Amino acid sequence: MPTRTEWAEEFEHITRIFPQRLDEIMGKMTYSQLSILSGVSLSTLVNWKNGRTVPDLCCLISVCNILDASIDWIIGLDEIAINEPEDNAEDVQSVVSDTQHNVYYMQLPGDDEE
């Protein structure tokens, strides 16, 4: 499991982007209303808004379902994807090729061919 220092860059990115996008998508909805509708505690929502913590997956899914928002968008993965190199076909092909060399065909019990 990665340590906090190993994912510090991602933590900083999410705590910078997520509160802005949450406010944007909520419109006139209050944090109290979002808490009631999503089942996420008000204190958890406030901690997200203030950048103290990042959402766990279950709570994030609940909030995104209520707000009809994409998880990628609300946590800023769409921005990270834009900065990634577009042509990684060679890397993908290399992984596929390496994987194919490690595939073994197994016969399941009871599948005896006579």
C-alpha atoms as a PDB file:
ATOM      1  CA  MET A   1       0.000   0.000   0.000  1.00  0.00           C
ATOM      2  CA  PRO A   2       1.473   3.379  -0.956  1.00  0.00           C
ATOM      3  CA  THR A   3       2.439   5.808   1.765  1.00  0.00           C
ATOM      4  CA  ARG A   4       1.051   9.329   1.942  1.00  0.00           C
ATOM      5  CA  THR A   5       4.294  10.770   0.534  1.00  0.00           C
ATOM      6  CA  GLU A   6       4.067   8.440  -2.469  1.00  0.00           C
ATOM      7  CA  TRP A   7       0.677   9.841  -3.455  1.00  0.00           C
ATOM      8  CA  ALA A   8       1.171  13.422  -2.230  1.00  0.00           C
ATOM      9  CA  GLU A   9       0.948  14.842  -5.754  1.00  0.00           C
ATOM     10  CA  GLU A  10      -2.398  13.144  -6.384  1.00  0.00           C
ATOM     11  CA  PHE A  11      -3.697  14.221  -2.962  1.00  0.00           C
ATOM     12  CA  GLU A  12      -2.759  17.842  -3.680  1.00  0.00           C
ATOM     13  CA  HIS A  13      -4.393  17.693  -7.117  1.00  0.00           C
ATOM     14  CA  ILE A  14      -7.665  16.282  -5.782  1.00  0.00           C
ATOM     15  CA  THR A  15      -7.834  18.657  -2.802  1.00  0.00           C
ATOM     16  CA  ARG A  16      -7.322  21.589  -5.182  1.00  0.00           C
ATOM     17  CA  ILE A  17      -9.766  20.552  -7.935  1.00  0.00           C
ATOM     18  CA  PHE A  18     -12.497  18.636  -6.102  1.00  0.00           C
ATOM     19  CA  PRO A  19     -13.842  21.448  -3.859  1.00  0.00           C
ATOM     20  CA  GLN A  20     -14.099  23.847  -6.811  1.00  0.00           C
ATOM     21  CA  ARG A  21     -15.929  21.339  -8.971  1.00  0.00           C
ATOM     22  CA  LEU A  22     -18.181  20.216  -6.141  1.00  0.00           C
ATOM     23  CA  ASP A  23     -19.297  23.814  -5.560  1.00  0.00           C
ATOM     24  CA  GLU A  24     -19.761  24.289  -9.301  1.00  0.00           C
ATOM     25  CA  ILE A  25     -21.934  21.205  -9.804  1.00  0.00           C
ATOM     26  CA  MET A  26     -23.990  21.713  -6.619  1.00  0.00           C
ATOM     27  CA  GLY A  27     -25.464  24.947  -7.892  1.00  0.00           C
ATOM     28  CA  LYS A  28     -27.930  26.183  -5.257  1.00  0.00           C
ATOM     29  CA  MET A  29     -27.915  22.918  -3.293  1.00  0.00           C
ATOM     30  CA  THR A  30     -26.525  23.314   0.222  1.00  0.00           C
ATOM     31  CA  TYR A  31     -24.030  20.961   1.850  1.00  0.00           C
ATOM     32  CA  SER A  32     -26.729  19.959   4.339  1.00  0.00           C
ATOM     33  CA  GLN A  33     -29.037  18.972   1.488  1.00  0.00           C
ATOM     34  CA  LEU A  34     -26.266  17.035  -0.256  1.00  0.00           C
ATOM     35  CA  SER A  35     -25.490  15.248   3.010  1.00  0.00           C
ATOM     36  CA  ILE A  36     -29.107  14.165   3.444  1.00  0.00           C
ATOM     37  CA  LEU A  37     -29.509  13.044  -0.177  1.00  0.00           C
ATOM     38  CA  SER A  38     -26.176  11.226  -0.491  1.00  0.00           C
ATOM     39  CA  GLY A  39     -25.867   9.743   3.000  1.00  0.00           C
ATOM     40  CA  VAL A  40     -22.403  11.314   3.382  1.00  0.00           C
ATOM     41  CA  SER A  41     -22.016  13.134   6.694  1.00  0.00           C
ATOM     42  CA  LEU A  42     -21.913  16.908   6.703  1.00  0.00           C
ATOM     43  CA  SER A  43     -18.542  16.870   8.494  1.00  0.00           C
ATOM     44  CA  THR A  44     -17.096  14.644   5.750  1.00  0.00           C
ATOM     45  CA  LEU A  45     -18.350  17.009   3.051  1.00  0.00           C
ATOM     46  CA  VAL A  46     -16.867  19.995   4.900  1.00  0.00           C
ATOM     47  CA  ASN A  47     -13.527  18.186   5.224  1.00  0.00           C
ATOM     48  CA  TRP A  48     -13.559  17.575   1.451  1.00  0.00           C
ATOM     49  CA  LYS A  49     -14.452  21.207   0.789  1.00  0.00           C
ATOM     50  CA  ASN A  50     -11.592  22.443   2.988  1.00  0.00           C
ATOM     51  CA  GLY A  51      -9.071  20.016   1.475  1.00  0.00           C
ATOM     52  CA  ARG A  52      -8.459  18.168   4.741  1.00  0.00           C
ATOM     53  CA  THR A  53      -9.393  14.790   3.282  1.00  0.00           C
ATOM     54  CA  VAL A  54     -10.154  13.237  -0.081  1.00  0.00           C
ATOM     55  CA  PRO A  55     -13.328  11.289  -0.814  1.00  0.00           C
ATOM     56  CA  ASP A  56     -13.363   7.531  -0.444  1.00  0.00           C
ATOM     57  CA  LEU A  57     -14.798   5.683  -3.403  1.00  0.00           C
ATOM     58  CA  CYS A  58     -18.172   4.697  -1.911  1.00  0.00           C
ATOM     59  CA  CYS A  59     -18.955   8.219  -0.742  1.00  0.00           C
ATOM     60  CA  LEU A  60     -17.708   9.690  -4.000  1.00  0.00           C
ATOM     61  CA  ILE A  61     -19.989   7.425  -6.021  1.00  0.00           C
ATOM     62  CA  SER A  62     -22.966   8.417  -3.870  1.00  0.00           C
ATOM     63  CA  VAL A  63     -22.271  12.149  -4.270  1.00  0.00           C
ATOM     64  CA  CYS A  64     -21.663  11.822  -8.021  1.00  0.00           C
ATOM     65  CA  ASN A  65     -24.916   9.895  -8.452  1.00  0.00           C
ATOM     66  CA  ILE A  66     -26.874  12.627  -6.650  1.00  0.00           C
ATOM     67  CA  LEU A  67     -25.170  15.408  -8.634  1.00  0.00           C
ATOM     68  CA  ASP A  68     -25.168  13.496 -11.937  1.00  0.00           C
ATOM     69  CA  ALA A  69     -21.417  14.108 -12.229  1.00  0.00           C
ATOM     70  CA  SER A  70     -18.605  12.006 -13.617  1.00  0.00           C
ATOM     71  CA  ILE A  71     -16.047  10.826 -11.065  1.00  0.00           C
ATOM     72  CA  ASP A  72     -13.245  11.569 -13.553  1.00  0.00           C
ATOM     73  CA  TRP A  73     -14.474  15.127 -13.943  1.00  0.00           C
ATOM     74  CA  ILE A  74     -15.178  15.932 -10.297  1.00  0.00           C
ATOM     75  CA  ILE A  75     -11.735  14.817  -9.068  1.00  0.00           C
ATOM     76  CA  GLY A  76      -9.888  16.284 -12.031  1.00  0.00           C
ATOM     77  CA  LEU A  77      -8.784  13.145 -13.846  1.00  0.00           C
ATOM     78  CA  ASP A  78      -9.931  14.759 -17.073  1.00  0.00           C
ATOM     79  CA  GLU A  79      -7.134  17.329 -16.672  1.00  0.00           C
ATOM     80  CA  ILE A  80      -4.519  14.663 -16.003  1.00  0.00           C
ATOM     81  CA  ALA A  81      -5.610  12.737 -19.099  1.00  0.00           C
ATOM     82  CA  ILE A  82      -5.192  15.843 -21.253  1.00  0.00           C
ATOM     83  CA  ASN A  83      -1.556  16.159 -20.166  1.00  0.00           C
ATOM     84  CA  GLU A  84      -0.702  12.529 -20.927  1.00  0.00           C
ATOM     85  CA  PRO A  85       1.010  11.652 -24.200  1.00  0.00           C
ATOM     86  CA  GLU A  86      -1.562  10.521 -26.720  1.00  0.00           C
ATOM     87  CA  ASP A  87       0.491   7.947 -28.599  1.00  0.00           C
ATOM     88  CA  ASN A  88       1.223   5.073 -26.282  1.00  0.00           C
ATOM     89  CA  ALA A  89       0.384   2.378 -28.812  1.00  0.00           C
ATOM     90  CA  GLU A  90       3.941   1.044 -28.769  1.00  0.00           C
ATOM     91  CA  ASP A  91       3.882   0.655 -24.971  1.00  0.00           C
ATOM     92  CA  VAL A  92       0.509  -1.095 -25.093  1.00  0.00           C
ATOM     93  CA  GLN A  93       1.698  -3.441 -27.835  1.00  0.00           C
ATOM     94  CA  SER A  94       4.812  -4.275 -25.801  1.00  0.00           C
ATOM     95  CA  VAL A  95       2.699  -5.209 -22.765  1.00  0.00           C
ATOM     96  CA  VAL A  96       0.344  -7.310 -24.891  1.00  0.00           C
ATOM     97  CA  SER A  97       3.269  -9.054 -26.564  1.00  0.00           C
ATOM     98  CA  ASP A  98       4.979  -9.782 -23.243  1.00  0.00           C
ATOM     99  CA  THR A  99       1.712 -11.057 -21.782  1.00  0.00           C
ATOM    100  CA  GLN A 100       1.111 -13.409 -24.697  1.00  0.00           C
ATOM    101  CA  HIS A 101       4.421 -15.128 -24.009  1.00  0.00           C
ATOM    102  CA  ASN A 102       3.272 -15.906 -20.477  1.00  0.00           C
ATOM    103  CA  VAL A 103      -0.096 -17.447 -21.320  1.00  0.00           C
ATOM    104  CA  TYR A 104      -0.486 -21.128 -20.558  1.00  0.00           C
ATOM    105  CA  TYR A 105      -3.327 -23.244 -21.791  1.00  0.00           C
ATOM    106  CA  MET A 106      -4.837 -25.333 -19.059  1.00  0.00           C
ATOM    107  CA  GLN A 107      -7.177 -28.232 -19.280  1.00  0.00           C
ATOM    108  CA  LEU A 108      -9.894 -28.198 -16.651  1.00  0.00           C
ATOM    109  CA  PRO A 109     -10.741 -31.409 -14.799  1.00  0.00           C
ATOM    110  CA  GLY A 110     -13.456 -33.291 -16.670  1.00  0.00           C
ATOM    111  CA  ASP A 111     -12.523 -31.777 -20.042  1.00  0.00           C
ATOM    112  CA  ASP A 112     -10.641 -34.873 -21.164  1.00  0.00           C
ATOM    113  CA  GLU A 113     -10.471 -35.217 -24.899  1.00  0.00           C
ATOM    114  CA  GLU A 114     -10.454 -38.786 -26.104  1.00  0.00           C
END
